[in-house]
Amino acid sequence: MLELANDRRRFGSPRLHELLRREELVQNHKRTERIYQEENLSVRTRKRVKRPSHARIVQAGPAGPDEQWAM
């Protein structure tokens, strides 16, 4: 399991379990999950980049007095 986890770093335990099942090495997904945790394996979370939901429009300021009033 460590070899597969090192080769495919973005694979979590469910995907590693499928690979091991194709090679007919495991049958029980709970056992795979337990071994995965015992080996201190985990998929690292990527930092989320916040993006604005829409383009910001800059409003033009008043050109002279008494063109814009506050409420």
PDB file of N, CA and C in Angstrom:
ATOM      1  N   MET A   1       0.823  -1.184   0.000  1.00  0.00           N
ATOM      2  CA  MET A   1       0.000   0.000   0.000  1.00  0.00           C
ATOM      3  C   MET A   1       0.869   1.251   0.000  1.00  0.00           C
ATOM      4  N   LEU A   2       1.984   1.239   0.712  1.00  0.00           N
ATOM      5  CA  LEU A   2       2.855   2.401   0.748  1.00  0.00           C
ATOM      6  C   LEU A   2       3.412   2.722  -0.640  1.00  0.00           C
ATOM      7  N   GLU A   3       3.736   1.686  -1.423  1.00  0.00           N
ATOM      8  CA  GLU A   3       4.234   1.916  -2.780  1.00  0.00           C
ATOM      9  C   GLU A   3       3.194   2.611  -3.630  1.00  0.00           C
ATOM     10  N   LEU A   4       1.955   2.119  -3.576  1.00  0.00           N
ATOM     11  CA  LEU A   4       0.883   2.731  -4.359  1.00  0.00           C
ATOM     12  C   LEU A   4       0.611   4.162  -3.898  1.00  0.00           C
ATOM     13  N   ALA A   5       0.638   4.384  -2.584  1.00  0.00           N
ATOM     14  CA  ALA A   5       0.375   5.720  -2.050  1.00  0.00           C
ATOM     15  C   ALA A   5       1.482   6.697  -2.445  1.00  0.00           C
ATOM     16  N   ASN A   6       2.723   6.219  -2.509  1.00  0.00           N
ATOM     17  CA  ASN A   6       3.819   7.097  -2.919  1.00  0.00           C
ATOM     18  C   ASN A   6       3.782   7.375  -4.413  1.00  0.00           C
ATOM     19  N   ASP A   7       3.367   6.388  -5.205  1.00  0.00           N
ATOM     20  CA  ASP A   7       3.267   6.586  -6.658  1.00  0.00           C
ATOM     21  C   ASP A   7       2.129   7.517  -7.005  1.00  0.00           C
ATOM     22  N   ARG A   8       1.017   7.387  -6.301  1.00  0.00           N
ATOM     23  CA  ARG A   8      -0.182   8.167  -6.600  1.00  0.00           C
ATOM     24  C   ARG A   8      -0.584   8.953  -5.349  1.00  0.00           C
ATOM     25  N   ARG A   9       0.014  10.116  -5.189  1.00  0.00           N
ATOM     26  CA  ARG A   9      -0.179  10.891  -3.959  1.00  0.00           C
ATOM     27  C   ARG A   9      -1.580  11.478  -3.834  1.00  0.00           C
ATOM     28  N   ARG A  10      -2.277  11.673  -4.937  1.00  0.00           N
ATOM     29  CA  ARG A  10      -3.614  12.262  -4.893  1.00  0.00           C
ATOM     30  C   ARG A  10      -4.704  11.218  -4.691  1.00  0.00           C
ATOM     31  N   PHE A  11      -4.347   9.958  -4.528  1.00  0.00           N
ATOM     32  CA  PHE A  11      -5.343   8.906  -4.321  1.00  0.00           C
ATOM     33  C   PHE A  11      -5.586   8.737  -2.834  1.00  0.00           C
ATOM     34  N   GLY A  12      -6.843   8.698  -2.441  1.00  0.00           N
ATOM     35  CA  GLY A  12      -7.200   8.419  -1.060  1.00  0.00           C
ATOM     36  C   GLY A  12      -7.387   6.923  -0.864  1.00  0.00           C
ATOM     37  N   SER A  13      -7.892   6.540   0.288  1.00  0.00           N
ATOM     38  CA  SER A  13      -8.053   5.112   0.578  1.00  0.00           C
ATOM     39  C   SER A  13      -9.065   4.428  -0.336  1.00  0.00           C
ATOM     40  N   PRO A  14     -10.194   5.054  -0.738  1.00  0.00           N
ATOM     41  CA  PRO A  14     -11.110   4.344  -1.641  1.00  0.00           C
ATOM     42  C   PRO A  14     -10.487   4.013  -2.995  1.00  0.00           C
ATOM     43  N   ARG A  15      -9.727   4.927  -3.551  1.00  0.00           N
ATOM     44  CA  ARG A  15      -9.110   4.666  -4.851  1.00  0.00           C
ATOM     45  C   ARG A  15      -7.963   3.677  -4.730  1.00  0.00           C
ATOM     46  N   LEU A  16      -7.218   3.740  -3.632  1.00  0.00           N
ATOM     47  CA  LEU A  16      -6.166   2.748  -3.408  1.00  0.00           C
ATOM     48  C   LEU A  16      -6.773   1.370  -3.217  1.00  0.00           C
ATOM     49  N   HIS A  17      -7.926   1.317  -2.547  1.00  0.00           N
ATOM     50  CA  HIS A  17      -8.600   0.036  -2.351  1.00  0.00           C
ATOM     51  C   HIS A  17      -8.996  -0.577  -3.692  1.00  0.00           C
ATOM     52  N   GLU A  18      -9.488   0.248  -4.626  1.00  0.00           N
ATOM     53  CA  GLU A  18      -9.849  -0.256  -5.951  1.00  0.00           C
ATOM     54  C   GLU A  18      -8.634  -0.810  -6.680  1.00  0.00           C
ATOM     55  N   LEU A  19      -7.493  -0.124  -6.568  1.00  0.00           N
ATOM     56  CA  LEU A  19      -6.276  -0.625  -7.209  1.00  0.00           C
ATOM     57  C   LEU A  19      -5.844  -1.954  -6.602  1.00  0.00           C
ATOM     58  N   LEU A  20      -5.907  -2.051  -5.281  1.00  0.00           N
ATOM     59  CA  LEU A  20      -5.529  -3.298  -4.611  1.00  0.00           C
ATOM     60  C   LEU A  20      -6.510  -4.418  -4.941  1.00  0.00           C
ATOM     61  N   ARG A  21      -7.791  -4.062  -5.116  1.00  0.00           N
ATOM     62  CA  ARG A  21      -8.779  -5.078  -5.459  1.00  0.00           C
ATOM     63  C   ARG A  21      -8.569  -5.603  -6.871  1.00  0.00           C
ATOM     64  N   ARG A  22      -8.169  -4.739  -7.791  1.00  0.00           N
ATOM     65  CA  ARG A  22      -7.883  -5.186  -9.154  1.00  0.00           C
ATOM     66  C   ARG A  22      -6.714  -6.153  -9.195  1.00  0.00           C
ATOM     67  N   GLU A  23      -5.753  -5.957  -8.292  1.00  0.00           N
ATOM     68  CA  GLU A  23      -4.609  -6.865  -8.197  1.00  0.00           C
ATOM     69  C   GLU A  23      -4.934  -8.085  -7.334  1.00  0.00           C
ATOM     70  N   GLU A  24      -6.179  -8.153  -6.827  1.00  0.00           N
ATOM     71  CA  GLU A  24      -6.675  -9.254  -5.985  1.00  0.00           C
ATOM     72  C   GLU A  24      -5.845  -9.423  -4.717  1.00  0.00           C
ATOM     73  N   LEU A  25      -5.488  -8.276  -4.096  1.00  0.00           N
ATOM     74  CA  LEU A  25      -4.731  -8.312  -2.846  1.00  0.00           C
ATOM     75  C   LEU A  25      -5.615  -8.128  -1.624  1.00  0.00           C
ATOM     76  N   VAL A  26      -6.771  -7.491  -1.774  1.00  0.00           N
ATOM     77  CA  VAL A  26      -7.661  -7.260  -0.638  1.00  0.00           C
ATOM     78  C   VAL A  26      -9.103  -7.521  -1.054  1.00  0.00           C
ATOM     79  N   GLN A  27      -9.954  -7.714  -0.060  1.00  0.00           N
ATOM     80  CA  GLN A  27     -11.382  -7.885  -0.279  1.00  0.00           C
ATOM     81  C   GLN A  27     -12.199  -6.896   0.544  1.00  0.00           C
ATOM     82  N   ASN A  28     -11.736  -6.589   1.759  1.00  0.00           N
ATOM     83  CA  ASN A  28     -12.510  -5.822   2.718  1.00  0.00           C
ATOM     84  C   ASN A  28     -12.059  -4.363   2.721  1.00  0.00           C
ATOM     85  N   HIS A  29     -12.972  -3.428   2.421  1.00  0.00           N
ATOM     86  CA  HIS A  29     -12.607  -2.008   2.386  1.00  0.00           C
ATOM     87  C   HIS A  29     -12.328  -1.462   3.775  1.00  0.00           C
ATOM     88  N   LYS A  30     -12.933  -2.061   4.819  1.00  0.00           N
ATOM     89  CA  LYS A  30     -12.679  -1.579   6.173  1.00  0.00           C
ATOM     90  C   LYS A  30     -11.241  -1.901   6.607  1.00  0.00           C
ATOM     91  N   ARG A  31     -10.741  -3.025   6.176  1.00  0.00           N
ATOM     92  CA  ARG A  31      -9.355  -3.387   6.488  1.00  0.00           C
ATOM     93  C   ARG A  31      -8.397  -2.445   5.765  1.00  0.00           C
ATOM     94  N   THR A  32      -8.713  -2.131   4.523  1.00  0.00           N
ATOM     95  CA  THR A  32      -7.888  -1.201   3.758  1.00  0.00           C
ATOM     96  C   THR A  32      -7.859   0.163   4.438  1.00  0.00           C
ATOM     97  N   GLU A  33      -9.004   0.624   4.898  1.00  0.00           N
ATOM     98  CA  GLU A  33      -9.090   1.910   5.590  1.00  0.00           C
ATOM     99  C   GLU A  33      -8.275   1.891   6.885  1.00  0.00           C
ATOM    100  N   ARG A  34      -8.344   0.807   7.625  1.00  0.00           N
ATOM    101  CA  ARG A  34      -7.598   0.704   8.883  1.00  0.00           C
ATOM    102  C   ARG A  34      -6.088   0.740   8.624  1.00  0.00           C
ATOM    103  N   ILE A  35      -5.619   0.005   7.611  1.00  0.00           N
ATOM    104  CA  ILE A  35      -4.193  -0.004   7.284  1.00  0.00           C
ATOM    105  C   ILE A  35      -3.754   1.375   6.800  1.00  0.00           C
ATOM    106  N   TYR A  36      -4.607   2.021   6.027  1.00  0.00           N
ATOM    107  CA  TYR A  36      -4.324   3.365   5.520  1.00  0.00           C
ATOM    108  C   TYR A  36      -4.095   4.332   6.677  1.00  0.00           C
ATOM    109  N   GLN A  37      -4.934   4.247   7.702  1.00  0.00           N
ATOM    110  CA  GLN A  37      -4.795   5.130   8.867  1.00  0.00           C
ATOM    111  C   GLN A  37      -3.607   4.746   9.739  1.00  0.00           C
ATOM    112  N   GLU A  38      -3.332   3.444   9.859  1.00  0.00           N
ATOM    113  CA  GLU A  38      -2.193   3.004  10.669  1.00  0.00           C
ATOM    114  C   GLU A  38      -0.866   3.462  10.066  1.00  0.00           C
ATOM    115  N   GLU A  39      -0.816   3.566   8.748  1.00  0.00           N
ATOM    116  CA  GLU A  39       0.395   4.028   8.070  1.00  0.00           C
ATOM    117  C   GLU A  39       0.501   5.555   8.063  1.00  0.00           C
ATOM    118  N   ASN A  40      -0.460   6.234   8.712  1.00  0.00           N
ATOM    119  CA  ASN A  40      -0.520   7.707   8.768  1.00  0.00           C
ATOM    120  C   ASN A  40      -0.538   8.330   7.376  1.00  0.00           C
ATOM    121  N   LEU A  41      -1.285   7.710   6.476  1.00  0.00           N
ATOM    122  CA  LEU A  41      -1.435   8.238   5.128  1.00  0.00           C
ATOM    123  C   LEU A  41      -2.648   9.146   5.082  1.00  0.00           C
ATOM    124  N   SER A  42      -2.551  10.187   4.303  1.00  0.00           N
ATOM    125  CA  SER A  42      -3.693  11.061   4.080  1.00  0.00           C
ATOM    126  C   SER A  42      -3.416  11.887   2.842  1.00  0.00           C
ATOM    127  N   VAL A  43      -4.484  12.311   2.189  1.00  0.00           N
ATOM    128  CA  VAL A  43      -4.351  13.188   1.042  1.00  0.00           C
ATOM    129  C   VAL A  43      -4.314  14.610   1.574  1.00  0.00           C
ATOM    130  N   ARG A  44      -3.297  15.348   1.204  1.00  0.00           N
ATOM    131  CA  ARG A  44      -3.179  16.713   1.695  1.00  0.00           C
ATOM    132  C   ARG A  44      -4.192  17.599   0.996  1.00  0.00           C
ATOM    133  N   THR A  45      -4.821  18.457   1.766  1.00  0.00           N
ATOM    134  CA  THR A  45      -5.812  19.356   1.191  1.00  0.00           C
ATOM    135  C   THR A  45      -5.098  20.542   0.553  1.00  0.00           C
ATOM    136  N   ARG A  46      -5.596  20.956  -0.579  1.00  0.00           N
ATOM    137  CA  ARG A  46      -5.013  22.093  -1.269  1.00  0.00           C
ATOM    138  C   ARG A  46      -5.619  23.383  -0.731  1.00  0.00           C
ATOM    139  N   LYS A  47      -4.816  24.438  -0.724  1.00  0.00           N
ATOM    140  CA  LYS A  47      -5.301  25.724  -0.257  1.00  0.00           C
ATOM    141  C   LYS A  47      -6.278  26.290  -1.282  1.00  0.00           C
ATOM    142  N   ARG A  48      -7.415  26.747  -0.814  1.00  0.00           N
ATOM    143  CA  ARG A  48      -8.453  27.267  -1.694  1.00  0.00           C
ATOM    144  C   ARG A  48      -8.152  28.716  -2.054  1.00  0.00           C
ATOM    145  N   VAL A  49      -8.254  29.018  -3.332  1.00  0.00           N
ATOM    146  CA  VAL A  49      -8.037  30.385  -3.804  1.00  0.00           C
ATOM    147  C   VAL A  49      -9.397  31.047  -3.931  1.00  0.00           C
ATOM    148  N   LYS A  50      -9.602  32.138  -3.178  1.00  0.00           N
ATOM    149  CA  LYS A  50     -10.876  32.842  -3.257  1.00  0.00           C
ATOM    150  C   LYS A  50     -10.860  33.781  -4.452  1.00  0.00           C
ATOM    151  N   ARG A  51     -11.931  33.706  -5.221  1.00  0.00           N
ATOM    152  CA  ARG A  51     -12.049  34.564  -6.385  1.00  0.00           C
ATOM    153  C   ARG A  51     -13.323  35.375  -6.257  1.00  0.00           C
ATOM    154  N   PRO A  52     -13.355  36.580  -6.789  1.00  0.00           N
ATOM    155  CA  PRO A  52     -14.582  37.380  -6.701  1.00  0.00           C
ATOM    156  C   PRO A  52     -15.700  36.734  -7.508  1.00  0.00           C
ATOM    157  N   SER A  53     -16.924  36.862  -7.015  1.00  0.00           N
ATOM    158  CA  SER A  53     -18.051  36.229  -7.673  1.00  0.00           C
ATOM    159  C   SER A  53     -18.444  36.953  -8.953  1.00  0.00           C
ATOM    160  N   HIS A  54     -18.145  38.226  -9.055  1.00  0.00           N
ATOM    161  CA  HIS A  54     -18.467  38.988 -10.265  1.00  0.00           C
ATOM    162  C   HIS A  54     -17.494  40.166 -10.390  1.00  0.00           C
ATOM    163  N   ALA A  55     -17.471  40.761 -11.559  1.00  0.00           N
ATOM    164  CA  ALA A  55     -16.571  41.881 -11.792  1.00  0.00           C
ATOM    165  C   ALA A  55     -17.075  43.118 -11.046  1.00  0.00           C
ATOM    166  N   ARG A  56     -16.182  43.823 -10.427  1.00  0.00           N
ATOM    167  CA  ARG A  56     -16.532  45.031  -9.683  1.00  0.00           C
ATOM    168  C   ARG A  56     -16.582  46.223 -10.650  1.00  0.00           C
ATOM    169  N   ILE A  57     -17.611  47.025 -10.532  1.00  0.00           N
ATOM    170  CA  ILE A  57     -17.757  48.205 -11.367  1.00  0.00           C
ATOM    171  C   ILE A  57     -17.542  49.434 -10.486  1.00  0.00           C
ATOM    172  N   VAL A  58     -16.584  50.244 -10.863  1.00  0.00           N
ATOM    173  CA  VAL A  58     -16.285  51.456 -10.106  1.00  0.00           C
ATOM    174  C   VAL A  58     -17.209  52.554 -10.615  1.00  0.00           C
ATOM    175  N   GLN A  59     -17.987  53.114  -9.710  1.00  0.00           N
ATOM    176  CA  GLN A  59     -18.915  54.157 -10.105  1.00  0.00           C
ATOM    177  C   GLN A  59     -18.197  55.494 -10.198  1.00  0.00           C
ATOM    178  N   ALA A  60     -18.579  56.243 -11.193  1.00  0.00           N
ATOM    179  CA  ALA A  60     -17.964  57.551 -11.377  1.00  0.00           C
ATOM    180  C   ALA A  60     -18.445  58.500 -10.275  1.00  0.00           C
ATOM    181  N   GLY A  61     -17.553  59.314  -9.794  1.00  0.00           N
ATOM    182  CA  GLY A  61     -17.894  60.284  -8.761  1.00  0.00           C
ATOM    183  C   GLY A  61     -18.620  61.483  -9.362  1.00  0.00           C
ATOM    184  N   PRO A  62     -19.144  62.324  -8.534  1.00  0.00           N
ATOM    185  CA  PRO A  62     -19.859  63.498  -9.045  1.00  0.00           C
ATOM    186  C   PRO A  62     -18.892  64.464  -9.739  1.00  0.00           C
ATOM    187  N   ALA A  63     -19.377  65.050 -10.818  1.00  0.00           N
ATOM    188  CA  ALA A  63     -18.546  65.988 -11.572  1.00  0.00           C
ATOM    189  C   ALA A  63     -18.583  67.387 -10.958  1.00  0.00           C
ATOM    190  N   GLY A  64     -19.675  67.694 -10.276  1.00  0.00           N
ATOM    191  CA  GLY A  64     -19.782  69.027  -9.689  1.00  0.00           C
ATOM    192  C   GLY A  64     -20.618  68.980  -8.435  1.00  0.00           C
ATOM    193  N   PRO A  65     -20.852  70.079  -7.800  1.00  0.00           N
ATOM    194  CA  PRO A  65     -21.662  70.105  -6.580  1.00  0.00           C
ATOM    195  C   PRO A  65     -23.127  69.797  -6.884  1.00  0.00           C
ATOM    196  N   ASP A  66     -23.804  69.208  -5.911  1.00  0.00           N
ATOM    197  CA  ASP A  66     -25.230  68.868  -5.968  1.00  0.00           C
ATOM    198  C   ASP A  66     -25.579  67.831  -7.047  1.00  0.00           C
ATOM    199  N   GLU A  67     -24.636  67.010  -7.463  1.00  0.00           N
ATOM    200  CA  GLU A  67     -24.962  65.954  -8.429  1.00  0.00           C
ATOM    201  C   GLU A  67     -25.244  64.631  -7.724  1.00  0.00           C
ATOM    202  N   GLN A  68     -24.762  64.461  -6.516  1.00  0.00           N
ATOM    203  CA  GLN A  68     -24.956  63.194  -5.795  1.00  0.00           C
ATOM    204  C   GLN A  68     -25.376  63.522  -4.369  1.00  0.00           C
ATOM    205  N   TRP A  69     -26.474  62.877  -3.944  1.00  0.00           N
ATOM    206  CA  TRP A  69     -26.995  63.105  -2.608  1.00  0.00           C
ATOM    207  C   TRP A  69     -26.961  61.821  -1.810  1.00  0.00           C
ATOM    208  N   ALA A  70     -26.680  61.928  -0.526  1.00  0.00           N
ATOM    209  CA  ALA A  70     -26.731  60.767   0.364  1.00  0.00           C
ATOM    210  C   ALA A  70     -28.115  60.676   0.972  1.00  0.00           C
ATOM    211  N   MET A  71     -28.537  59.454   1.248  1.00  0.00           N
ATOM    212  CA  MET A  71     -29.860  59.270   1.828  1.00  0.00           C
ATOM    213  C   MET A  71     -29.732  58.969   3.303  1.00  0.00           C
TER     214      MET A  71
END
